[in-house]
Amino acid sequence: MRALELTQEDEKVRVFSDSKYSIDCSTSWYKAWEKNDWKKQNGEPVLNQDLIKRIRALIKERDDAGFQTLFQWVKGHSTNAGNSAADRLAVAGARKK
């Protein structure tokens, strides 16, 4: 979400993530959840739907402007330098109070 908030609306963006869950929530699963009033198949509310809705709104803004938002999965805890750097930043941010 933050990556999309910080990116210019008028450029193509590729978001790299080691979370298939986050990518699927933002690119495919949301469609069924919207149709089902943001409930899962078992009737429970979708977790983190506020974040997913915000990500979808940002993607829609970009789509409406004619610019692509792509998501690419990368293997976590591997030799991917960008993923390792993102991990370090996330840990440091989580430790700040």
Protein backbone atom coordinates (compact mmCIF):
# COMPACT_ATOMS: atom_id res chain seq x y z
CA MET A 1 0.00 0.00 0.00
CA ARG A 2 2.71 2.42 0.99
CA ALA A 3 4.63 1.79 -2.22
CA LEU A 4 1.55 2.72 -4.25
CA GLU A 5 0.92 5.81 -2.12
CA LEU A 6 4.47 7.02 -2.75
CA THR A 7 4.49 6.34 -6.49
CA GLN A 8 3.44 8.83 -9.12
CA GLU A 9 0.05 7.94 -10.53
CA ASP A 10 1.33 8.44 -14.08
CA GLU A 11 3.98 5.77 -14.29
CA LYS A 12 4.08 2.01 -14.60
CA VAL A 13 4.82 0.32 -11.28
CA ARG A 14 6.01 -3.16 -10.37
CA VAL A 15 5.65 -4.12 -6.71
CA PHE A 16 7.89 -6.96 -5.55
CA SER A 17 6.69 -9.00 -2.57
CA ASP A 18 7.57 -12.29 -0.93
CA SER A 19 3.96 -12.63 0.20
CA LYS A 20 1.83 -14.59 -2.25
CA TYR A 21 -1.05 -14.04 0.16
CA SER A 22 -0.77 -10.23 -0.11
CA ILE A 23 -0.46 -10.37 -3.88
CA ASP A 24 -3.47 -12.68 -4.24
CA CYS A 25 -5.56 -10.53 -1.87
CA SER A 26 -4.79 -7.44 -3.93
CA THR A 27 -5.08 -8.92 -7.41
CA SER A 28 -7.64 -11.70 -7.44
CA TRP A 29 -9.33 -12.75 -4.19
CA TYR A 30 -10.79 -9.29 -3.56
CA LYS A 31 -13.26 -9.81 -6.43
CA ALA A 32 -15.11 -12.61 -4.64
CA TRP A 33 -14.91 -10.78 -1.33
CA GLU A 34 -16.49 -7.66 -2.84
CA LYS A 35 -19.34 -9.75 -4.22
CA ASN A 36 -19.78 -11.42 -0.82
CA ASP A 37 -19.84 -8.17 1.21
CA TRP A 38 -16.24 -8.72 2.35
CA LYS A 39 -16.95 -12.07 3.92
CA LYS A 40 -14.99 -15.27 3.39
CA GLN A 41 -16.66 -18.49 2.25
CA ASN A 42 -17.17 -19.51 5.87
CA GLY A 43 -19.04 -16.25 6.58
CA GLU A 44 -16.28 -14.65 8.64
CA PRO A 45 -15.15 -11.14 7.72
CA VAL A 46 -12.06 -10.80 5.55
CA LEU A 47 -9.06 -9.82 7.68
CA ASN A 48 -7.26 -6.57 6.84
CA GLN A 49 -10.00 -5.57 4.44
CA ASP A 50 -9.29 -1.90 5.15
CA LEU A 51 -5.80 -2.34 3.72
CA ILE A 52 -6.99 -4.37 0.75
CA LYS A 53 -9.68 -1.81 -0.07
CA ARG A 54 -7.11 1.01 0.08
CA ILE A 55 -4.72 -0.90 -2.19
CA ARG A 56 -7.55 -1.57 -4.65
CA ALA A 57 -8.51 2.14 -4.63
CA LEU A 58 -4.92 3.10 -5.43
CA ILE A 59 -4.75 0.53 -8.22
CA LYS A 60 -8.06 1.79 -9.63
CA GLU A 61 -6.76 5.37 -9.69
CA ARG A 62 -3.75 4.17 -11.65
CA ASP A 63 -5.90 2.03 -13.98
CA ASP A 64 -8.21 4.98 -14.64
CA ALA A 65 -5.17 7.10 -15.53
CA GLY A 66 -4.05 4.38 -17.97
CA PHE A 67 -1.04 3.12 -16.03
CA GLN A 68 -0.27 -0.43 -15.08
CA THR A 69 0.32 -1.74 -11.58
CA LEU A 70 2.11 -5.07 -11.60
CA PHE A 71 2.91 -7.40 -8.73
CA GLN A 72 5.76 -9.88 -8.77
CA TRP A 73 6.43 -12.56 -6.21
CA VAL A 74 10.02 -13.10 -5.06
CA LYS A 75 11.24 -15.86 -2.80
CA GLY A 76 11.64 -14.61 0.75
CA HIS A 77 14.75 -15.18 2.84
CA SER A 78 16.80 -15.92 -0.25
CA THR A 79 19.56 -14.15 -2.11
CA ASN A 80 17.31 -11.43 -3.55
CA ALA A 81 19.05 -8.21 -2.49
CA GLY A 82 15.91 -6.08 -2.70
CA ASN A 83 13.90 -8.50 -0.59
CA SER A 84 16.66 -8.72 2.01
CA ALA A 85 16.83 -4.93 2.20
CA ALA A 86 13.04 -4.69 2.53
CA ASP A 87 13.14 -7.26 5.33
CA ARG A 88 15.74 -5.24 7.23
CA LEU A 89 13.68 -2.06 6.84
CA ALA A 90 10.50 -3.82 8.00
CA VAL A 91 12.22 -5.22 11.09
CA ALA A 92 13.75 -1.82 11.92
CA GLY A 93 10.36 -0.13 11.48
CA ALA A 94 8.63 -2.69 13.67
CA ARG A 95 11.14 -2.06 16.44
CA LYS A 96 10.50 1.70 16.48
CA LYS A 97 8.00 2.85 19.06
